[in-house]
Amino acid sequence: MKKTVIYFFAIFTVFIFFGCQVPITAEDSHSSSTKKDVTTENTLYNGYFITGEQIKFVFDNKIYNESDIKSVQISGTFNGWDPAHTDWQMTYNSVEDLWEFETLLEKTPVGSIYKFVINNVNWIQPYSEKLHNMYLSDDGFGGYNTIITKPVL
């Protein structure tokens, strides 16, 4: 039984690690295919991708449907929860219709928690209906923060 659990965990960890390397768009996650990749879908909804020593945050407004977005910031334990911190300002990618920000993973250590902030005032809840609990942390205000996770191989 113990070997089965270890074997399952090893395969699951490899699947999660390599599944998190494939960026997708919201359109991809809503395809008509009956086979769904839960890991890839979680990657889209948790708002980040980890590749090597880099982390790329992605805010896809097709998921959240916020109106009149002028700016998107990342606010979390790694920047003192300061939505005005200019080093964490996302950039709009008009080709992909996404807001993006990339930095070194060491600046946002695994276990850090964060939220997206629209126009410096609207704190966005993670899409908790689509996320596994391993990505969610109670924010103390009746909602959730997103946890940065990276499987250990």
Protein backbone atom coordinates (compact mmCIF):
# COMPACT_ATOMS: atom_id res chain seq x y z
CA MET A 1 0.00 0.00 0.00
CA LYS A 2 2.81 2.42 0.94
CA LYS A 3 4.61 1.77 -2.39
CA THR A 4 1.36 2.41 -4.28
CA VAL A 5 0.88 5.77 -2.55
CA ILE A 6 4.51 6.77 -3.21
CA TYR A 7 4.23 5.63 -6.85
CA PHE A 8 0.98 7.58 -7.31
CA PHE A 9 2.48 10.69 -5.70
CA ALA A 10 5.57 10.49 -7.93
CA ILE A 11 3.50 10.22 -11.10
CA PHE A 12 1.13 12.97 -9.94
CA THR A 13 4.07 15.26 -9.12
CA VAL A 14 5.68 14.73 -12.53
CA PHE A 15 2.31 15.33 -14.21
CA ILE A 16 1.75 18.56 -12.25
CA PHE A 17 5.29 19.82 -12.88
CA PHE A 18 5.23 19.27 -16.63
CA GLY A 19 1.56 20.28 -16.94
CA CYS A 20 2.35 23.68 -15.41
CA GLN A 21 4.84 24.45 -18.17
CA VAL A 22 2.25 24.84 -20.93
CA PRO A 23 0.68 28.31 -21.14
CA ILE A 24 -2.86 28.33 -22.49
CA THR A 25 -5.59 30.87 -23.06
CA ALA A 26 -9.12 30.86 -21.75
CA GLU A 27 -10.31 29.82 -25.20
CA ASP A 28 -8.17 26.66 -24.97
CA SER A 29 -9.65 25.71 -21.60
CA HIS A 30 -13.20 25.91 -22.94
CA SER A 31 -12.64 23.75 -26.00
CA SER A 32 -15.22 21.19 -27.02
CA SER A 33 -12.90 18.30 -26.15
CA THR A 34 -14.40 15.91 -23.64
CA LYS A 35 -11.00 15.14 -22.14
CA LYS A 36 -9.99 17.92 -19.71
CA ASP A 37 -6.54 18.50 -18.30
CA VAL A 38 -7.34 19.61 -14.76
CA THR A 39 -3.74 20.70 -14.16
CA THR A 40 -3.67 22.96 -17.21
CA GLU A 41 -7.06 24.35 -16.30
CA ASN A 42 -5.87 25.06 -12.74
CA THR A 43 -2.78 26.77 -14.16
CA LEU A 44 -5.04 29.12 -16.11
CA TYR A 45 -7.29 29.90 -13.16
CA ASN A 46 -4.56 30.21 -10.51
CA GLY A 47 -2.97 33.00 -12.52
CA TYR A 48 0.65 31.95 -12.88
CA PHE A 49 3.06 29.64 -14.68
CA ILE A 50 6.41 28.49 -13.30
CA THR A 51 9.14 27.65 -15.78
CA GLY A 52 12.55 26.92 -14.31
CA GLU A 53 13.48 29.87 -12.10
CA GLN A 54 10.87 32.21 -13.63
CA ILE A 55 7.27 32.85 -12.65
CA LYS A 56 4.84 34.46 -15.05
CA PHE A 57 1.61 35.91 -13.69
CA VAL A 58 -1.30 36.10 -16.11
CA PHE A 59 -4.61 37.88 -15.55
CA ASP A 60 -7.14 36.75 -18.15
CA ASN A 61 -10.18 39.01 -17.98
CA LYS A 62 -12.21 36.52 -20.04
CA ILE A 63 -12.41 34.59 -16.76
CA TYR A 64 -13.22 37.47 -14.41
CA ASN A 65 -15.22 39.86 -16.65
CA GLU A 66 -14.09 43.04 -14.89
CA SER A 67 -15.01 46.29 -16.64
CA ASP A 68 -12.94 49.40 -17.39
CA ILE A 69 -9.53 47.95 -16.54
CA LYS A 70 -6.78 50.54 -16.67
CA SER A 71 -4.20 48.65 -14.60
CA VAL A 72 -3.62 45.29 -12.93
CA GLN A 73 -1.23 44.85 -10.03
CA ILE A 74 -0.06 41.81 -8.11
CA SER A 75 -0.30 42.23 -4.36
CA GLY A 76 0.82 39.63 -1.84
CA THR A 77 3.08 38.61 1.00
CA PHE A 78 6.13 39.21 -1.21
CA ASN A 79 5.43 42.97 -1.55
CA GLY A 80 3.72 43.79 1.75
CA TRP A 81 0.25 43.59 0.18
CA ASP A 82 0.87 47.00 -1.41
CA PRO A 83 -1.22 47.33 -4.61
CA ALA A 84 0.54 50.62 -5.46
CA HIS A 85 3.99 48.94 -5.49
CA THR A 86 5.17 49.88 -8.99
CA ASP A 87 7.49 46.87 -9.31
CA TRP A 88 4.44 44.58 -9.49
CA GLN A 89 2.49 46.36 -12.25
CA MET A 90 1.27 44.01 -14.98
CA THR A 91 1.53 44.84 -18.69
CA TYR A 92 -1.37 44.48 -21.11
CA ASN A 93 -0.68 42.11 -24.02
CA SER A 94 -3.17 43.18 -26.70
CA VAL A 95 -2.30 40.26 -28.99
CA GLU A 96 -3.27 37.66 -26.38
CA ASP A 97 -5.78 39.96 -24.61
CA LEU A 98 -4.10 39.23 -21.26
CA TRP A 99 -2.30 41.15 -18.51
CA GLU A 100 1.16 39.68 -17.81
CA PHE A 101 4.08 40.05 -15.42
CA GLU A 102 7.23 37.92 -15.26
CA THR A 103 9.89 37.83 -12.56
CA LEU A 104 12.32 35.51 -10.81
CA LEU A 105 10.69 32.82 -8.70
CA GLU A 106 12.96 33.79 -5.77
CA LYS A 107 11.04 37.10 -5.53
CA THR A 108 7.79 35.20 -5.01
CA PRO A 109 8.80 32.14 -3.02
CA VAL A 110 6.69 29.01 -3.12
CA GLY A 111 4.11 29.33 -0.35
CA SER A 112 3.60 33.06 -0.94
CA ILE A 113 0.00 34.20 -1.28
CA TYR A 114 -1.37 36.93 -3.52
CA LYS A 115 -4.33 38.54 -5.29
CA PHE A 116 -4.71 40.58 -8.44
CA VAL A 117 -5.79 44.20 -7.89
CA ILE A 118 -7.65 46.11 -10.61
CA ASN A 119 -7.10 49.88 -10.88
CA ASN A 120 -5.41 49.89 -7.42
CA VAL A 121 -8.74 49.34 -5.61
CA ASN A 122 -10.61 46.21 -6.72
CA TRP A 123 -9.10 43.11 -5.05
CA ILE A 124 -9.95 40.12 -7.23
CA GLN A 125 -10.92 36.81 -5.65
CA PRO A 126 -9.27 33.76 -7.22
CA TYR A 127 -11.61 31.72 -9.36
CA SER A 128 -12.15 29.31 -6.46
CA GLU A 129 -14.87 27.29 -8.18
CA LYS A 130 -12.27 26.06 -10.67
CA LEU A 131 -9.22 25.73 -8.41
CA HIS A 132 -8.06 22.82 -6.32
CA ASN A 133 -7.79 23.65 -2.60
CA MET A 134 -3.98 23.36 -2.80
CA TYR A 135 -4.03 26.77 -4.56
CA LEU A 136 -6.34 28.54 -2.06
CA SER A 137 -5.82 30.21 1.31
CA ASP A 138 -8.48 31.89 3.47
CA ASP A 139 -7.96 35.65 3.25
CA GLY A 140 -9.67 36.41 6.58
CA PHE A 141 -12.36 38.52 4.87
CA GLY A 142 -14.68 35.78 3.63
CA GLY A 143 -12.69 35.09 0.46
CA TYR A 144 -9.48 33.50 -0.73
CA ASN A 145 -5.91 34.28 -1.71
CA THR A 146 -4.01 32.25 -4.28
CA ILE A 147 -1.02 30.22 -3.03
CA ILE A 148 2.07 29.90 -5.21
CA THR A 149 2.89 26.20 -5.39
CA LYS A 150 5.53 24.23 -7.22
CA PRO A 151 5.74 20.45 -7.00
CA VAL A 152 8.98 19.02 -5.67
CA LEU A 153 10.46 16.25 -7.83
